[in-house]
N, C-alpha and C. Protein backbone atom coordinates (compact mmCIF):
# COMPACT_ATOMS: atom_id res chain seq x y z
N MET A 1 16.68 -10.67 4.47
CA MET A 1 16.02 -9.37 3.61
C MET A 1 14.85 -9.45 2.96
N VAL A 2 14.65 -8.21 2.72
CA VAL A 2 12.72 -8.44 2.09
C VAL A 2 13.05 -7.87 0.83
N TYR A 3 11.98 -8.74 0.34
CA TYR A 3 11.94 -8.28 -1.15
C TYR A 3 11.13 -7.85 -1.58
N ARG A 4 11.08 -7.45 -2.66
CA ARG A 4 9.79 -6.50 -3.15
C ARG A 4 8.68 -7.53 -3.52
N HIS A 5 8.61 -8.95 -3.83
CA HIS A 5 7.50 -9.44 -3.99
C HIS A 5 6.99 -10.21 -2.73
N HIS A 6 8.04 -10.10 -1.69
CA HIS A 6 7.41 -10.19 0.16
C HIS A 6 6.93 -8.81 0.40
N ILE A 7 7.31 -7.92 0.31
CA ILE A 7 6.43 -6.25 0.33
C ILE A 7 4.73 -6.61 0.03
N ILE A 8 4.58 -7.33 -1.21
CA ILE A 8 3.50 -7.03 -2.42
C ILE A 8 2.42 -8.04 -1.59
N VAL A 9 2.85 -9.51 -0.99
CA VAL A 9 2.38 -10.51 -0.06
C VAL A 9 1.71 -10.13 0.96
N VAL A 10 2.44 -9.25 2.07
CA VAL A 10 2.05 -8.60 2.82
C VAL A 10 1.12 -7.54 3.06
N VAL A 11 1.15 -6.77 1.84
CA VAL A 11 0.14 -5.51 1.39
C VAL A 11 -0.90 -5.78 1.33
N PHE A 12 -1.01 -7.42 0.44
CA PHE A 12 -2.26 -8.13 -0.16
C PHE A 12 -2.88 -8.78 1.28
N LEU A 13 -2.58 -9.61 2.24
CA LEU A 13 -2.99 -9.85 3.18
C LEU A 13 -3.73 -8.69 4.15
N GLY A 14 -2.62 -7.55 4.11
CA GLY A 14 -3.31 -6.48 4.67
C GLY A 14 -4.69 -6.25 4.39
N ALA A 15 -4.75 -5.95 2.89
CA ALA A 15 -5.57 -5.22 2.23
C ALA A 15 -7.06 -6.48 3.02
N LEU A 16 -6.62 -7.41 2.56
CA LEU A 16 -7.63 -8.55 3.19
C LEU A 16 -8.32 -8.59 4.46
N SER A 17 -6.84 -8.40 5.40
CA SER A 17 -7.47 -7.99 6.62
C SER A 17 -8.70 -6.70 6.86
N GLY A 18 -8.58 -6.03 6.05
CA GLY A 18 -9.41 -4.71 6.00
C GLY A 18 -11.10 -5.20 5.37
N TYR A 19 -10.48 -6.11 4.44
CA TYR A 19 -11.66 -6.01 3.33
C TYR A 19 -12.77 -6.99 4.62
N MET A 20 -12.13 -8.13 4.93
CA MET A 20 -12.83 -8.84 6.34
C MET A 20 -13.88 -8.43 6.86
N PRO A 21 -13.50 -7.92 7.70
CA PRO A 21 -14.22 -6.77 8.97
C PRO A 21 -15.02 -5.78 8.53
N THR A 22 -14.91 -5.35 7.06
CA THR A 22 -15.75 -5.04 6.94
C THR A 22 -17.23 -4.91 6.33
N VAL A 23 -16.52 -5.87 5.49
CA VAL A 23 -18.18 -7.01 4.77
C VAL A 23 -18.45 -7.86 6.52
N LEU A 24 -17.71 -8.16 7.19
CA LEU A 24 -18.83 -8.67 8.20
C LEU A 24 -19.45 -7.74 8.73
N LEU A 25 -18.34 -6.18 8.91
CA LEU A 25 -19.84 -5.20 10.50
C LEU A 25 -20.89 -4.88 9.48
N SER A 26 -20.48 -4.42 7.99
CA SER A 26 -21.89 -4.47 7.14
C SER A 26 -23.07 -5.60 7.35
N ARG A 27 -22.76 -6.93 7.74
CA ARG A 27 -23.54 -7.30 7.37
C ARG A 27 -23.80 -7.64 8.55
N LEU A 28 -23.44 -7.56 9.68
CA LEU A 28 -24.24 -7.49 10.89
C LEU A 28 -24.98 -6.56 11.02
N GLY A 29 -25.25 -4.82 10.50
CA GLY A 29 -25.09 -3.65 10.53
C GLY A 29 -26.36 -3.84 9.24
N GLY A 30 -26.87 -5.10 9.01
CA GLY A 30 -27.73 -4.97 8.21
C GLY A 30 -27.47 -5.73 6.65
N GLY A 31 -26.45 -5.22 6.52
CA GLY A 31 -25.98 -5.67 4.68
C GLY A 31 -26.39 -4.41 3.89
N SER A 32 -26.91 -3.11 4.34
CA SER A 32 -27.43 -2.05 3.12
C SER A 32 -25.99 -0.88 2.92
N ASP A 33 -26.28 -0.46 1.81
CA ASP A 33 -24.97 0.33 1.53
C ASP A 33 -24.57 1.47 2.40
N ILE A 34 -25.39 1.75 3.05
CA ILE A 34 -25.06 2.85 4.27
C ILE A 34 -23.98 1.72 5.28
N SER A 35 -24.47 0.87 5.06
CA SER A 35 -23.87 -0.25 6.42
C SER A 35 -22.61 -0.62 6.15
N MET A 36 -22.50 -0.89 4.62
CA MET A 36 -21.21 -0.71 4.28
C MET A 36 -20.15 0.45 3.90
N MET A 37 -20.93 1.49 3.81
CA MET A 37 -20.23 2.58 4.02
C MET A 37 -19.66 3.10 5.45
N LEU A 38 -20.20 2.98 6.13
CA LEU A 38 -20.07 3.33 7.76
C LEU A 38 -18.65 2.49 8.36
N ALA A 39 -19.20 0.83 7.92
CA ALA A 39 -18.67 -0.21 8.19
C ALA A 39 -16.92 0.17 7.90
N GLY A 40 -17.00 0.56 6.32
CA GLY A 40 -15.86 1.16 6.04
C GLY A 40 -14.86 1.87 6.79
N ILE A 41 -15.76 3.07 7.10
CA ILE A 41 -15.25 3.95 7.36
C ILE A 41 -14.58 3.64 8.80
N ALA A 42 -15.61 3.18 9.81
CA ALA A 42 -14.63 2.68 11.15
C ALA A 42 -13.32 1.57 10.92
N VAL A 43 -13.49 0.70 10.23
CA VAL A 43 -12.39 -0.13 9.88
C VAL A 43 -11.09 0.40 9.29
N ALA A 44 -10.96 1.09 8.57
CA ALA A 44 -10.17 2.70 7.73
C ALA A 44 -9.95 3.18 8.91
N SER A 45 -10.61 3.82 10.22
CA SER A 45 -10.13 4.06 11.11
C SER A 45 -9.18 3.81 11.92
N LEU A 46 -9.77 2.68 11.78
CA LEU A 46 -8.74 1.61 12.90
C LEU A 46 -7.63 1.50 12.61
N PHE A 47 -7.66 1.12 11.34
CA PHE A 47 -6.21 0.43 10.49
C PHE A 47 -5.01 1.57 10.65
N SER A 48 -6.05 2.83 10.25
CA SER A 48 -5.07 4.00 9.94
C SER A 48 -4.74 4.25 11.76
N GLY A 49 -5.48 4.16 12.35
CA GLY A 49 -4.73 4.67 14.25
C GLY A 49 -3.61 3.85 14.49
N LEU A 50 -3.62 2.78 14.31
CA LEU A 50 -2.62 1.29 14.02
C LEU A 50 -1.32 1.76 13.24
N SER A 51 -1.49 1.73 12.10
CA SER A 51 -0.44 1.83 11.36
C SER A 51 0.50 3.41 12.01
N HIS A 52 -0.44 4.24 12.32
CA HIS A 52 0.64 5.36 13.10
C HIS A 52 1.09 5.06 13.88
N VAL A 53 0.43 4.35 14.76
CA VAL A 53 1.46 3.81 16.44
C VAL A 53 2.43 3.27 16.05
N LEU A 54 2.07 2.08 15.30
CA LEU A 54 3.49 0.98 14.37
C LEU A 54 4.65 2.02 13.85
N LEU A 55 4.00 2.65 13.17
CA LEU A 55 5.10 3.40 12.64
C LEU A 55 5.81 4.03 13.52
N TYR A 56 5.22 5.17 14.58
CA TYR A 56 5.80 5.74 15.18
C TYR A 56 6.54 5.10 16.48
N ILE A 57 6.32 3.65 16.80
CA ILE A 57 6.92 2.59 17.51
C ILE A 57 8.42 1.89 16.62
N VAL A 58 8.20 2.20 14.84
CA VAL A 58 9.10 1.58 13.89
C VAL A 58 10.27 2.47 13.88
N GLN A 59 9.52 3.93 13.47
CA GLN A 59 10.28 4.80 12.91
C GLN A 59 12.04 5.03 13.55
N SER A 60 11.88 4.92 14.64
CA SER A 60 13.30 5.12 15.43
C SER A 60 14.29 4.46 15.29
N MET A 61 13.52 2.88 15.14
CA MET A 61 14.21 1.91 14.91
C MET A 61 15.12 1.67 13.56
N LEU A 62 14.32 2.00 12.57
CA LEU A 62 14.96 1.68 10.91
C LEU A 62 15.67 3.67 10.68
N ARG A 63 15.10 4.55 11.04
CA ARG A 63 15.87 5.95 11.05
C ARG A 63 15.50 6.08 9.86
N SER A 64 13.99 6.15 8.94
CA SER A 64 13.77 6.36 7.82
C SER A 64 13.16 7.61 7.85
N GLN A 65 12.60 7.81 7.29
CA GLN A 65 11.50 9.27 6.62
C GLN A 65 10.25 8.78 6.17
N TYR A 66 9.69 7.91 6.73
CA TYR A 66 8.51 6.91 6.10
C TYR A 66 7.08 8.46 7.15
N VAL A 67 7.73 9.17 7.43
CA VAL A 67 6.19 10.21 7.74
C VAL A 67 6.17 11.04 6.29
N TYR A 68 7.13 11.41 5.61
CA TYR A 68 7.20 12.30 5.08
C TYR A 68 6.55 11.86 3.70
N PHE A 69 6.13 10.08 3.22
CA PHE A 69 5.61 9.64 2.40
C PHE A 69 4.51 9.70 2.92
N LEU A 70 4.07 9.02 3.73
CA LEU A 70 2.66 9.26 4.56
C LEU A 70 1.82 10.85 4.16
N ARG A 71 2.52 12.28 4.26
CA ARG A 71 2.28 12.85 4.38
C ARG A 71 1.90 13.53 2.58
N GLY A 72 2.95 12.65 2.30
CA GLY A 72 2.17 13.05 0.83
C GLY A 72 3.81 12.98 -0.11
N SER A 73 4.31 13.52 0.35
CA SER A 73 6.33 13.69 0.10
C SER A 73 6.35 12.97 -1.14
N THR A 74 7.53 13.20 -2.46
CA THR A 74 7.30 12.25 -3.26
C THR A 74 8.96 12.26 -2.70
N ALA A 75 9.55 12.85 -2.08
CA ALA A 75 10.88 12.79 -2.23
C ALA A 75 12.22 12.44 -1.85
N THR A 76 11.72 11.17 -1.37
CA THR A 76 12.37 10.21 -1.31
C THR A 76 12.14 8.95 -1.90
N VAL A 77 11.09 8.86 -2.89
CA VAL A 77 10.71 7.88 -3.88
C VAL A 77 11.74 7.84 -5.50
N LEU A 78 12.28 6.92 -5.55
CA LEU A 78 13.20 6.75 -6.73
C LEU A 78 11.93 6.95 -8.28
N GLN A 79 12.61 7.25 -9.03
CA GLN A 79 11.89 7.94 -10.35
C GLN A 79 11.29 6.82 -10.81
N LYS A 80 12.09 5.87 -10.72
CA LYS A 80 10.61 4.72 -11.45
C LYS A 80 9.53 4.33 -10.68
N GLU A 81 9.88 4.71 -9.58
CA GLU A 81 8.79 4.48 -8.70
C GLU A 81 7.92 5.13 -8.45
N ILE A 82 7.71 6.46 -8.85
CA ILE A 82 6.90 7.65 -9.30
C ILE A 82 6.36 7.28 -10.17
N SER A 83 6.89 6.65 -11.79
CA SER A 83 6.15 6.43 -12.59
C SER A 83 5.10 4.66 -12.15
N LEU A 84 5.47 4.19 -11.46
CA LEU A 84 4.55 2.96 -11.09
C LEU A 84 3.64 3.40 -10.15
N MET A 85 3.85 4.13 -9.19
CA MET A 85 2.46 5.22 -8.46
C MET A 85 1.54 5.83 -9.21
N ALA A 86 1.96 6.42 -10.69
CA ALA A 86 1.13 7.20 -11.18
C ALA A 86 0.55 6.11 -11.95
N ASP A 87 1.00 5.48 -12.80
CA ASP A 87 0.29 4.26 -13.28
C ASP A 87 -0.95 3.51 -12.84
N LEU A 88 -0.56 3.36 -11.26
CA LEU A 88 -2.13 3.02 -11.09
C LEU A 88 -2.62 3.61 -10.17
N SER A 89 -2.35 5.07 -9.79
CA SER A 89 -3.14 5.99 -9.40
C SER A 89 -4.42 5.63 -10.79
N LEU A 90 -4.21 6.23 -12.05
CA LEU A 90 -4.46 6.15 -13.26
C LEU A 90 -5.67 5.44 -13.15
N SER A 91 -4.80 4.00 -13.18
CA SER A 91 -5.47 2.93 -13.79
C SER A 91 -6.69 2.25 -12.27
N LEU A 92 -6.48 2.86 -11.46
CA LEU A 92 -7.29 2.80 -10.01
C LEU A 92 -8.64 4.09 -10.15
N THR A 93 -8.28 4.89 -10.77
CA THR A 93 -9.44 5.78 -10.72
C THR A 93 -10.33 5.48 -11.84
N PHE A 94 -9.62 5.12 -12.83
CA PHE A 94 -10.82 4.54 -13.97
C PHE A 94 -11.20 3.29 -13.77
N ILE A 95 -11.11 2.51 -12.98
CA ILE A 95 -11.76 1.24 -12.72
C ILE A 95 -13.09 1.86 -11.38
N SER A 96 -12.20 3.07 -10.80
CA SER A 96 -13.38 2.92 -9.85
C SER A 96 -14.57 4.30 -10.83
N LEU A 97 -13.99 4.63 -11.76
CA LEU A 97 -15.58 5.37 -12.01
C LEU A 97 -16.83 4.77 -12.18
N PRO A 98 -16.99 3.65 -12.80
CA PRO A 98 -18.58 3.32 -12.92
C PRO A 98 -18.60 2.95 -11.45
N PHE A 99 -18.11 3.08 -10.25
CA PHE A 99 -18.71 3.03 -8.60
C PHE A 99 -19.29 4.06 -7.56
N ILE A 100 -18.92 5.39 -8.51
CA ILE A 100 -18.76 6.79 -8.44
C ILE A 100 -20.27 6.94 -7.80
N LYS A 101 -21.36 7.01 -8.71
CA LYS A 101 -22.52 7.23 -8.53
C LYS A 101 -23.03 6.27 -6.95
N PRO A 102 -23.23 4.92 -7.07
CA PRO A 102 -23.70 3.77 -6.29
C PRO A 102 -23.16 3.93 -4.58
N LEU A 103 -22.08 4.68 -4.44
CA LEU A 103 -21.03 5.30 -3.27
C LEU A 103 -21.47 6.41 -2.86
N ASN A 104 -22.06 7.11 -3.82
CA ASN A 104 -22.48 8.97 -3.55
C ASN A 104 -22.68 9.34 -2.33
N ALA A 105 -22.21 9.59 -1.26
CA ALA A 105 -22.53 10.03 0.35
C ALA A 105 -23.44 10.99 -0.36
N TYR A 106 -23.48 11.83 -0.93
CA TYR A 106 -24.95 13.12 -0.96
C TYR A 106 -26.13 12.00 -1.16
N LEU A 107 -25.76 10.96 -2.72
CA LEU A 107 -27.08 10.10 -2.36
C LEU A 107 -27.96 10.14 -1.45
N TYR A 108 -27.29 9.59 -0.22
CA TYR A 108 -28.02 8.85 0.94
C TYR A 108 -28.28 10.47 1.93
N GLY A 109 -28.60 11.57 1.61
CA GLY A 109 -28.83 12.53 2.42
C GLY A 109 -28.13 13.14 3.17
N ASP A 110 -26.29 12.97 2.71
CA ASP A 110 -25.51 13.03 3.97
C ASP A 110 -25.21 14.29 3.30
N PRO A 111 -25.54 15.99 4.17
CA PRO A 111 -24.66 16.45 3.42
C PRO A 111 -23.34 17.27 3.29
């Protein structure tokens, strides 16, 4: 049986497995802000592709509709989970507000 706290631990480990290569690639690229942004884009693209391949393989075995959730539909989500998603989204939006200007791609000359 998969419990909610097991999923949280796996998600946290997945986030760390994305953070570490991003920082390492950024340092290999010179450690500048632009190299951090490009390393983040590269690692995000890699993990996005891997997750979609795994989703394609596992979806038929689980017989669930995870693809709809990835496309933005919350039709299969419970009401209490929607409030949790909204709370997390709003709090993370407010946390990220101080970092908007330093990470703005237009400041680096990207049209």
